Amino acid sequence: MLAQIIDTHAHLQLNHFDADRDEVIQRAHAAGVAAILCISTDVPSSRAAIALAEQHAQVYAAVGIHPNDCGATSEEDFKQITELAQHPKVVAIGEIGMDDYWKTVPLPKQAEVFVRQLELAAQLNKPVIIHNREAGAAIMDTLRGHDVTKLTGVFHCFSEDWNYAELVLNLGCHVSFTGNLTYKKSVLPEVAKQIPLERIMLETDSPYMTPVPHRGKRNEPAYVMHIAEKLAEIKGLSLAEICHRTTQNAVALFGLDVGLLS
């Protein structure tokens, strides 16, 4: 029997998958991916993620407004995200957070939208999926500024050092690794080695962040197994153990249907 695993972050609603979306989901299932979380960046992508989750038993959705897409966010957008978040297959608010790499939206505006969505997640008792690109300090400053000392969620596509990982763990959050864990010059294996396995999840961030040996091609959820293999090597554990433990973590955090994994 194949080891089962969960891809906790993919963007299957993007047009990168328009030609073969169903086949991509089938390939993931054949590779042992028991569930895929389809993550959103704005209101239309949130609707599309829910539509996919309605069509496929193994697909779940997260809804939210990405920091690079929040510049023109209106009260109507917040209202719609709030309504969408109450769909039975929506398991998280995300991806939300801050980004100081692209600089498309001023950080104060990003912080405002980030906090509004943190409040929504708390109100609905859902975990958050946090985007951080070169904005680690800004995120922590924003959390401290709003007296957030504990948080249920995950810092996705983790790319910071061990000191930052400690801050994330102290918040109560999980850390999720993508294909960047497999890159030849990556320093992330040393970070992953120190993070307790019960706080790690795995993701593809499809269609981005493609792991070795497929780097340079479009990423897809089936490739999460390559990231699991790398983590098994780092931790000195079997692939089956890594799949089992990271799946348990995702099921617990997102409240997924464990019957799916039997």
C-alpha atoms as a PDB file:
ATOM      1  CA  MET A   1       0.000   0.000   0.000  1.00  0.00           C
ATOM      2  CA  LEU A   2       1.245   3.490  -0.853  1.00  0.00           C
ATOM      3  CA  ALA A   3       2.195   5.811   1.971  1.00  0.00           C
ATOM      4  CA  GLN A   4      -0.452   8.533   2.175  1.00  0.00           C
ATOM      5  CA  ILE A   5       0.382  12.199   2.435  1.00  0.00           C
ATOM      6  CA  ILE A   6      -1.338  15.582   2.278  1.00  0.00           C
ATOM      7  CA  ASP A   7      -0.302  18.460   0.043  1.00  0.00           C
ATOM      8  CA  THR A   8      -1.187  21.336   2.360  1.00  0.00           C
ATOM      9  CA  HIS A   9      -0.748  24.137  -0.186  1.00  0.00           C
ATOM     10  CA  ALA A  10      -1.514  24.156  -3.895  1.00  0.00           C
ATOM     11  CA  HIS A  11      -3.137  26.620  -6.293  1.00  0.00           C
ATOM     12  CA  LEU A  12      -5.016  24.219  -8.549  1.00  0.00           C
ATOM     13  CA  GLN A  13      -7.511  26.879  -9.609  1.00  0.00           C
ATOM     14  CA  LEU A  14      -4.844  28.773 -11.570  1.00  0.00           C
ATOM     15  CA  ASN A  15      -4.852  28.686 -15.360  1.00  0.00           C
ATOM     16  CA  HIS A  16      -1.597  26.683 -15.299  1.00  0.00           C
ATOM     17  CA  PHE A  17      -3.862  23.643 -14.782  1.00  0.00           C
ATOM     18  CA  ASP A  18      -6.691  24.477 -17.179  1.00  0.00           C
ATOM     19  CA  ALA A  19      -5.611  21.865 -19.747  1.00  0.00           C
ATOM     20  CA  ASP A  20      -5.277  18.900 -17.368  1.00  0.00           C
ATOM     21  CA  ARG A  21      -6.618  19.753 -13.906  1.00  0.00           C
ATOM     22  CA  ASP A  22      -8.536  16.497 -13.435  1.00  0.00           C
ATOM     23  CA  GLU A  23      -5.524  14.475 -14.581  1.00  0.00           C
ATOM     24  CA  VAL A  24      -3.296  16.357 -12.115  1.00  0.00           C
ATOM     25  CA  ILE A  25      -5.648  15.430  -9.274  1.00  0.00           C
ATOM     26  CA  GLN A  26      -5.746  11.820 -10.472  1.00  0.00           C
ATOM     27  CA  ARG A  27      -1.939  11.661 -10.614  1.00  0.00           C
ATOM     28  CA  ALA A  28      -1.761  12.989  -7.087  1.00  0.00           C
ATOM     29  CA  HIS A  29      -4.153  10.313  -5.873  1.00  0.00           C
ATOM     30  CA  ALA A  30      -2.142   7.611  -7.667  1.00  0.00           C
ATOM     31  CA  ALA A  31       1.031   8.889  -5.989  1.00  0.00           C
ATOM     32  CA  GLY A  32      -0.495   8.576  -2.516  1.00  0.00           C
ATOM     33  CA  VAL A  33      -1.703  12.132  -1.973  1.00  0.00           C
ATOM     34  CA  ALA A  34      -4.845  11.633   0.095  1.00  0.00           C
ATOM     35  CA  ALA A  35      -5.860  15.292   0.260  1.00  0.00           C
ATOM     36  CA  ILE A  36      -4.956  18.607  -1.347  1.00  0.00           C
ATOM     37  CA  LEU A  37      -5.584  22.025   0.158  1.00  0.00           C
ATOM     38  CA  CYS A  38      -6.410  24.528  -2.577  1.00  0.00           C
ATOM     39  CA  ILE A  39      -5.274  27.943  -1.372  1.00  0.00           C
ATOM     40  CA  SER A  40      -6.658  31.305  -2.462  1.00  0.00           C
ATOM     41  CA  THR A  41      -5.347  34.821  -3.002  1.00  0.00           C
ATOM     42  CA  ASP A  42      -8.508  36.914  -3.532  1.00  0.00           C
ATOM     43  CA  VAL A  43     -12.294  36.613  -3.757  1.00  0.00           C
ATOM     44  CA  PRO A  44     -12.469  35.053  -7.270  1.00  0.00           C
ATOM     45  CA  SER A  45      -9.770  32.473  -6.496  1.00  0.00           C
ATOM     46  CA  SER A  46     -11.542  31.682  -3.207  1.00  0.00           C
ATOM     47  CA  ARG A  47     -14.730  30.932  -5.128  1.00  0.00           C
ATOM     48  CA  ALA A  48     -12.780  28.791  -7.590  1.00  0.00           C
ATOM     49  CA  ALA A  49     -11.091  26.849  -4.760  1.00  0.00           C
ATOM     50  CA  ILE A  50     -14.465  26.068  -3.208  1.00  0.00           C
ATOM     51  CA  ALA A  51     -15.825  24.958  -6.575  1.00  0.00           C
ATOM     52  CA  LEU A  52     -12.929  22.515  -6.930  1.00  0.00           C
ATOM     53  CA  ALA A  53     -13.454  21.240  -3.393  1.00  0.00           C
ATOM     54  CA  GLU A  54     -17.106  20.626  -4.194  1.00  0.00           C
ATOM     55  CA  GLN A  55     -16.147  18.606  -7.279  1.00  0.00           C
ATOM     56  CA  HIS A  56     -13.408  16.468  -5.697  1.00  0.00           C
ATOM     57  CA  ALA A  57     -13.689  14.669  -2.360  1.00  0.00           C
ATOM     58  CA  GLN A  58      -9.943  14.882  -1.720  1.00  0.00           C
ATOM     59  CA  VAL A  59      -9.727  18.648  -2.323  1.00  0.00           C
ATOM     60  CA  TYR A  60     -10.292  21.159   0.485  1.00  0.00           C
ATOM     61  CA  ALA A  61     -10.215  24.941   0.269  1.00  0.00           C
ATOM     62  CA  ALA A  62      -8.735  27.906   2.093  1.00  0.00           C
ATOM     63  CA  VAL A  63     -10.104  31.389   1.393  1.00  0.00           C
ATOM     64  CA  GLY A  64      -8.415  34.724   1.858  1.00  0.00           C
ATOM     65  CA  ILE A  65      -6.677  37.745   0.384  1.00  0.00           C
ATOM     66  CA  HIS A  66      -2.952  37.553  -0.382  1.00  0.00           C
ATOM     67  CA  PRO A  67      -0.778  40.520   0.675  1.00  0.00           C
ATOM     68  CA  ASN A  68       0.159  41.235  -2.940  1.00  0.00           C
ATOM     69  CA  ASP A  69      -3.524  41.314  -3.910  1.00  0.00           C
ATOM     70  CA  CYS A  70      -4.856  43.420  -1.046  1.00  0.00           C
ATOM     71  CA  GLY A  71      -4.198  46.948  -2.329  1.00  0.00           C
ATOM     72  CA  ALA A  72      -7.776  47.626  -3.401  1.00  0.00           C
ATOM     73  CA  THR A  73      -9.516  45.397  -0.853  1.00  0.00           C
ATOM     74  CA  SER A  74     -12.979  46.723  -0.028  1.00  0.00           C
ATOM     75  CA  GLU A  75     -15.518  46.107   2.712  1.00  0.00           C
ATOM     76  CA  GLU A  76     -17.459  44.064   0.161  1.00  0.00           C
ATOM     77  CA  ASP A  77     -14.401  41.830  -0.330  1.00  0.00           C
ATOM     78  CA  PHE A  78     -14.167  41.221   3.417  1.00  0.00           C
ATOM     79  CA  LYS A  79     -17.893  40.462   3.507  1.00  0.00           C
ATOM     80  CA  GLN A  80     -17.581  37.918   0.702  1.00  0.00           C
ATOM     81  CA  ILE A  81     -14.525  36.221   2.239  1.00  0.00           C
ATOM     82  CA  THR A  82     -16.420  35.993   5.540  1.00  0.00           C
ATOM     83  CA  GLU A  83     -19.355  34.303   3.804  1.00  0.00           C
ATOM     84  CA  LEU A  84     -17.154  31.958   1.765  1.00  0.00           C
ATOM     85  CA  ALA A  85     -15.156  30.970   4.858  1.00  0.00           C
ATOM     86  CA  GLN A  86     -18.244  29.318   6.305  1.00  0.00           C
ATOM     87  CA  HIS A  87     -18.490  26.746   3.503  1.00  0.00           C
ATOM     88  CA  PRO A  88     -18.138  23.218   4.972  1.00  0.00           C
ATOM     89  CA  LYS A  89     -15.051  22.406   2.872  1.00  0.00           C
ATOM     90  CA  VAL A  90     -13.181  25.592   3.798  1.00  0.00           C
ATOM     91  CA  VAL A  91     -10.648  24.521   6.410  1.00  0.00           C
ATOM     92  CA  ALA A  92      -8.488  27.653   6.781  1.00  0.00           C
ATOM     93  CA  ILE A  93      -8.099  31.350   6.081  1.00  0.00           C
ATOM     94  CA  GLY A  94      -5.306  31.870   3.614  1.00  0.00           C
ATOM     95  CA  GLU A  95      -3.099  32.710   2.222  1.00  0.00           C
ATOM     96  CA  ILE A  96      -2.695  35.861   4.225  1.00  0.00           C
ATOM     97  CA  GLY A  97       0.350  37.639   5.606  1.00  0.00           C
ATOM     98  CA  MET A  98       2.914  40.129   4.361  1.00  0.00           C
ATOM     99  CA  ASP A  99       5.338  40.443   1.437  1.00  0.00           C
ATOM    100  CA  ASP A 100       8.212  42.909   1.168  1.00  0.00           C
ATOM    101  CA  TYR A 101       9.733  41.352  -1.952  1.00  0.00           C
ATOM    102  CA  TRP A 102       7.373  42.499  -4.709  1.00  0.00           C
ATOM    103  CA  LYS A 103       6.483  45.802  -2.996  1.00  0.00           C
ATOM    104  CA  THR A 104       3.178  46.022  -4.866  1.00  0.00           C
ATOM    105  CA  VAL A 105       1.220  47.095  -1.766  1.00  0.00           C
ATOM    106  CA  PRO A 106       2.509  49.344   1.063  1.00  0.00           C
ATOM    107  CA  LEU A 107       3.269  47.373   4.230  1.00  0.00           C
ATOM    108  CA  PRO A 108       0.786  49.340   6.401  1.00  0.00           C
ATOM    109  CA  LYS A 109      -2.042  48.318   4.051  1.00  0.00           C
ATOM    110  CA  GLN A 110      -0.823  44.721   4.064  1.00  0.00           C
ATOM    111  CA  ALA A 111      -0.768  44.760   7.862  1.00  0.00           C
ATOM    112  CA  GLU A 112      -4.329  46.123   8.013  1.00  0.00           C
ATOM    113  CA  VAL A 113      -5.714  43.388   5.735  1.00  0.00           C
ATOM    114  CA  PHE A 114      -3.625  40.731   7.503  1.00  0.00           C
ATOM    115  CA  VAL A 115      -5.036  41.694  10.905  1.00  0.00           C
ATOM    116  CA  ARG A 116      -8.622  41.807   9.622  1.00  0.00           C
ATOM    117  CA  GLN A 117      -8.244  38.250   8.380  1.00  0.00           C
ATOM    118  CA  LEU A 118      -6.582  37.073  11.575  1.00  0.00           C
ATOM    119  CA  GLU A 119      -9.644  38.408  13.393  1.00  0.00           C
ATOM    120  CA  LEU A 120     -11.930  36.546  10.987  1.00  0.00           C
ATOM    121  CA  ALA A 121     -10.037  33.304  11.546  1.00  0.00           C
ATOM    122  CA  ALA A 122     -10.319  33.715  15.315  1.00  0.00           C
ATOM    123  CA  GLN A 123     -14.032  34.481  15.014  1.00  0.00           C
ATOM    124  CA  LEU A 124     -14.641  31.339  12.921  1.00  0.00           C
ATOM    125  CA  ASN A 125     -12.141  29.194  14.855  1.00  0.00           C
ATOM    126  CA  LYS A 126     -10.158  28.354  11.719  1.00  0.00           C
ATOM    127  CA  PRO A 127      -6.372  28.147  11.335  1.00  0.00           C
ATOM    128  CA  VAL A 128      -4.465  30.615   9.173  1.00  0.00           C
ATOM    129  CA  ILE A 129      -2.026  30.004   6.329  1.00  0.00           C
ATOM    130  CA  ILE A 130       0.634  32.704   6.449  1.00  0.00           C
ATOM    131  CA  HIS A 131       2.609  34.021   3.493  1.00  0.00           C
ATOM    132  CA  ASN A 132       5.958  35.567   4.403  1.00  0.00           C
ATOM    133  CA  ARG A 133       8.363  36.752   1.757  1.00  0.00           C
ATOM    134  CA  GLU A 134      11.123  38.978   3.087  1.00  0.00           C
ATOM    135  CA  ALA A 135       8.641  40.320   5.633  1.00  0.00           C
ATOM    136  CA  GLY A 136       9.427  38.170   8.649  1.00  0.00           C
ATOM    137  CA  ALA A 137      10.148  41.064  11.001  1.00  0.00           C
ATOM    138  CA  ALA A 138       7.107  43.013   9.764  1.00  0.00           C
ATOM    139  CA  ILE A 139       4.845  40.042  10.447  1.00  0.00           C
ATOM    140  CA  MET A 140       6.146  39.583  13.984  1.00  0.00           C
ATOM    141  CA  ASP A 141       5.918  43.332  14.648  1.00  0.00           C
ATOM    142  CA  THR A 142       2.314  43.324  13.398  1.00  0.00           C
ATOM    143  CA  LEU A 143       1.410  40.381  15.613  1.00  0.00           C
ATOM    144  CA  ARG A 144       3.044  41.964  18.675  1.00  0.00           C
ATOM    145  CA  GLY A 145       1.384  45.285  17.899  1.00  0.00           C
ATOM    146  CA  HIS A 146      -2.011  43.592  18.119  1.00  0.00           C
ATOM    147  CA  ASP A 147      -1.138  41.499  21.197  1.00  0.00           C
ATOM    148  CA  VAL A 148      -1.147  38.230  19.259  1.00  0.00           C
ATOM    149  CA  THR A 149       1.059  35.914  21.300  1.00  0.00           C
ATOM    150  CA  LYS A 150      -0.546  32.615  20.255  1.00  0.00           C
ATOM    151  CA  LEU A 151      -1.770  31.679  16.819  1.00  0.00           C
ATOM    152  CA  THR A 152      -3.184  28.545  15.231  1.00  0.00           C
ATOM    153  CA  GLY A 153      -1.851  28.068  11.739  1.00  0.00           C
ATOM    154  CA  VAL A 154       1.158  27.498   9.525  1.00  0.00           C
ATOM    155  CA  PHE A 155       3.917  29.610   8.013  1.00  0.00           C
ATOM    156  CA  HIS A 156       3.897  28.197   4.513  1.00  0.00           C
ATOM    157  CA  CYS A 157       6.846  27.878   2.112  1.00  0.00           C
ATOM    158  CA  PHE A 158       9.193  28.440   5.028  1.00  0.00           C
ATOM    159  CA  SER A 159      12.482  30.015   3.990  1.00  0.00           C
ATOM    160  CA  GLU A 160      13.793  31.673   7.167  1.00  0.00           C
ATOM    161  CA  ASP A 161      16.525  30.611   9.591  1.00  0.00           C
ATOM    162  CA  TRP A 162      16.302  28.651  12.832  1.00  0.00           C
ATOM    163  CA  ASN A 163      15.938  31.795  14.960  1.00  0.00           C
ATOM    164  CA  TYR A 164      12.810  32.739  13.041  1.00  0.00           C
ATOM    165  CA  ALA A 165      11.549  29.166  13.177  1.00  0.00           C
ATOM    166  CA  GLU A 166      11.754  29.381  16.969  1.00  0.00           C
ATOM    167  CA  LEU A 167       9.553  32.490  16.930  1.00  0.00           C
ATOM    168  CA  VAL A 168       7.017  30.652  14.775  1.00  0.00           C
ATOM    169  CA  LEU A 169       7.045  27.606  17.053  1.00  0.00           C
ATOM    170  CA  ASN A 170       6.670  29.799  20.143  1.00  0.00           C
ATOM    171  CA  LEU A 171       3.561  31.332  18.592  1.00  0.00           C
ATOM    172  CA  GLY A 172       2.127  27.826  18.390  1.00  0.00           C
ATOM    173  CA  CYS A 173       2.264  27.647  14.602  1.00  0.00           C
ATOM    174  CA  HIS A 174       3.455  24.918  12.280  1.00  0.00           C
ATOM    175  CA  VAL A 175       6.141  25.239   9.626  1.00  0.00           C
ATOM    176  CA  SER A 176       5.581  23.970   6.089  1.00  0.00           C
ATOM    177  CA  PHE A 177       8.306  23.160   3.571  1.00  0.00           C
ATOM    178  CA  THR A 178       8.022  23.219  -0.207  1.00  0.00           C
ATOM    179  CA  GLY A 179      10.319  22.133  -3.013  1.00  0.00           C
ATOM    180  CA  ASN A 180      12.911  24.625  -1.795  1.00  0.00           C
ATOM    181  CA  LEU A 181      13.871  22.025   0.822  1.00  0.00           C
ATOM    182  CA  THR A 182      15.258  19.871  -2.008  1.00  0.00           C
ATOM    183  CA  TYR A 183      17.364  22.526  -3.754  1.00  0.00           C
ATOM    184  CA  LYS A 184      21.088  21.825  -3.916  1.00  0.00           C
ATOM    185  CA  LYS A 185      22.235  25.049  -2.233  1.00  0.00           C
ATOM    186  CA  SER A 186      19.357  25.282   0.242  1.00  0.00           C
ATOM    187  CA  VAL A 187      20.202  25.906   3.893  1.00  0.00           C
ATOM    188  CA  LEU A 188      16.718  24.736   4.894  1.00  0.00           C
ATOM    189  CA  PRO A 189      17.740  21.133   5.668  1.00  0.00           C
ATOM    190  CA  GLU A 190      19.683  22.424   8.698  1.00  0.00           C
ATOM    191  CA  VAL A 191      16.597  24.323   9.841  1.00  0.00           C
ATOM    192  CA  ALA A 192      14.263  21.385   9.236  1.00  0.00           C
ATOM    193  CA  LYS A 193      16.584  19.134  11.219  1.00  0.00           C
ATOM    194  CA  GLN A 194      15.937  21.243  14.348  1.00  0.00           C
ATOM    195  CA  ILE A 195      12.165  21.614  14.040  1.00  0.00           C
ATOM    196  CA  PRO A 196      10.155  18.936  15.878  1.00  0.00           C
ATOM    197  CA  LEU A 197       8.439  16.641  13.402  1.00  0.00           C
ATOM    198  CA  GLU A 198       5.077  17.192  15.080  1.00  0.00           C
ATOM    199  CA  ARG A 199       5.220  20.829  13.924  1.00  0.00           C
ATOM    200  CA  ILE A 200       6.133  20.185  10.263  1.00  0.00           C
ATOM    201  CA  MET A 201       3.844  19.913   7.270  1.00  0.00           C
ATOM    202  CA  LEU A 202       4.644  19.516   3.581  1.00  0.00           C
ATOM    203  CA  GLU A 203       3.337  21.286   0.494  1.00  0.00           C
ATOM    204  CA  THR A 204       4.058  21.839  -3.161  1.00  0.00           C
ATOM    205  CA  ASP A 205       2.808  25.430  -3.613  1.00  0.00           C
ATOM    206  CA  SER A 206       1.881  24.192  -7.097  1.00  0.00           C
ATOM    207  CA  PRO A 207       2.424  25.361  -9.786  1.00  0.00           C
ATOM    208  CA  TYR A 208       5.455  27.045  -8.173  1.00  0.00           C
ATOM    209  CA  MET A 209       8.493  25.857  -6.166  1.00  0.00           C
ATOM    210  CA  THR A 210       8.955  22.590  -8.069  1.00  0.00           C
ATOM    211  CA  PRO A 211      11.170  20.132  -6.196  1.00  0.00           C
ATOM    212  CA  VAL A 212      14.165  18.229  -7.494  1.00  0.00           C
ATOM    213  CA  PRO A 213      14.096  16.157  -9.745  1.00  0.00           C
ATOM    214  CA  HIS A 214      11.398  18.108 -11.624  1.00  0.00           C
ATOM    215  CA  ARG A 215      12.796  21.579 -11.013  1.00  0.00           C
ATOM    216  CA  GLY A 216      12.202  23.863 -13.996  1.00  0.00           C
ATOM    217  CA  LYS A 217       8.857  22.262 -14.824  1.00  0.00           C
ATOM    218  CA  ARG A 218       5.362  23.057 -13.596  1.00  0.00           C
ATOM    219  CA  ASN A 219       4.843  21.778 -10.077  1.00  0.00           C
ATOM    220  CA  GLU A 220       1.889  19.584  -9.127  1.00  0.00           C
ATOM    221  CA  PRO A 221       0.642  17.884  -5.944  1.00  0.00           C
ATOM    222  CA  ALA A 222       2.025  14.427  -6.816  1.00  0.00           C
ATOM    223  CA  TYR A 223       5.513  15.874  -6.378  1.00  0.00           C
ATOM    224  CA  VAL A 224       4.994  16.400  -2.641  1.00  0.00           C
ATOM    225  CA  MET A 225       6.437  12.883  -2.270  1.00  0.00           C
ATOM    226  CA  HIS A 226       9.851  14.185  -3.351  1.00  0.00           C
ATOM    227  CA  ILE A 227       9.748  16.722  -0.528  1.00  0.00           C
ATOM    228  CA  ALA A 228       8.757  13.970   1.887  1.00  0.00           C
ATOM    229  CA  GLU A 229      11.707  11.867   0.695  1.00  0.00           C
ATOM    230  CA  LYS A 230      14.073  14.773   1.390  1.00  0.00           C
ATOM    231  CA  LEU A 231      12.635  15.309   4.861  1.00  0.00           C
ATOM    232  CA  ALA A 232      13.006  11.579   5.567  1.00  0.00           C
ATOM    233  CA  GLU A 233      16.688  11.850   4.624  1.00  0.00           C
ATOM    234  CA  ILE A 234      17.130  14.926   6.853  1.00  0.00           C
ATOM    235  CA  LYS A 235      15.388  13.352   9.848  1.00  0.00           C
ATOM    236  CA  GLY A 236      16.884   9.878   9.374  1.00  0.00           C
ATOM    237  CA  LEU A 237      13.421   8.311   9.247  1.00  0.00           C
ATOM    238  CA  SER A 238      11.542   6.187   6.739  1.00  0.00           C
ATOM    239  CA  LEU A 239       9.414   7.780   4.049  1.00  0.00           C
ATOM    240  CA  ALA A 240       6.385   5.988   5.526  1.00  0.00           C
ATOM    241  CA  GLU A 241       7.009   7.581   8.929  1.00  0.00           C
ATOM    242  CA  ILE A 242       7.387  11.061   7.443  1.00  0.00           C
ATOM    243  CA  CYS A 243       4.186  10.654   5.434  1.00  0.00           C
ATOM    244  CA  HIS A 244       2.285   9.348   8.441  1.00  0.00           C
ATOM    245  CA  ARG A 245       3.458  12.021  10.865  1.00  0.00           C
ATOM    246  CA  THR A 246       3.057  15.024   8.562  1.00  0.00           C
ATOM    247  CA  THR A 247      -0.379  13.747   7.529  1.00  0.00           C
ATOM    248  CA  GLN A 248      -1.385  13.493  11.188  1.00  0.00           C
ATOM    249  CA  ASN A 249      -0.239  17.084  11.683  1.00  0.00           C
ATOM    250  CA  ALA A 250      -2.310  18.348   8.759  1.00  0.00           C
ATOM    251  CA  VAL A 251      -5.401  16.375   9.763  1.00  0.00           C
ATOM    252  CA  ALA A 252      -5.201  17.786  13.293  1.00  0.00           C
ATOM    253  CA  LEU A 253      -4.558  21.400  12.266  1.00  0.00           C
ATOM    254  CA  PHE A 254      -7.162  21.625   9.514  1.00  0.00           C
ATOM    255  CA  GLY A 255      -9.763  19.235  10.936  1.00  0.00           C
ATOM    256  CA  LEU A 256      -9.768  17.110   7.805  1.00  0.00           C
ATOM    257  CA  ASP A 257     -11.963  14.069   7.321  1.00  0.00           C
ATOM    258  CA  VAL A 258      -9.752  11.282   8.655  1.00  0.00           C
ATOM    259  CA  GLY A 259     -12.032   8.728   6.998  1.00  0.00           C
ATOM    260  CA  LEU A 260     -10.427   9.893   3.785  1.00  0.00           C
ATOM    261  CA  LEU A 261      -7.149   8.476   5.022  1.00  0.00           C
ATOM    262  CA  SER A 262      -8.312   5.019   6.085  1.00  0.00           C
END
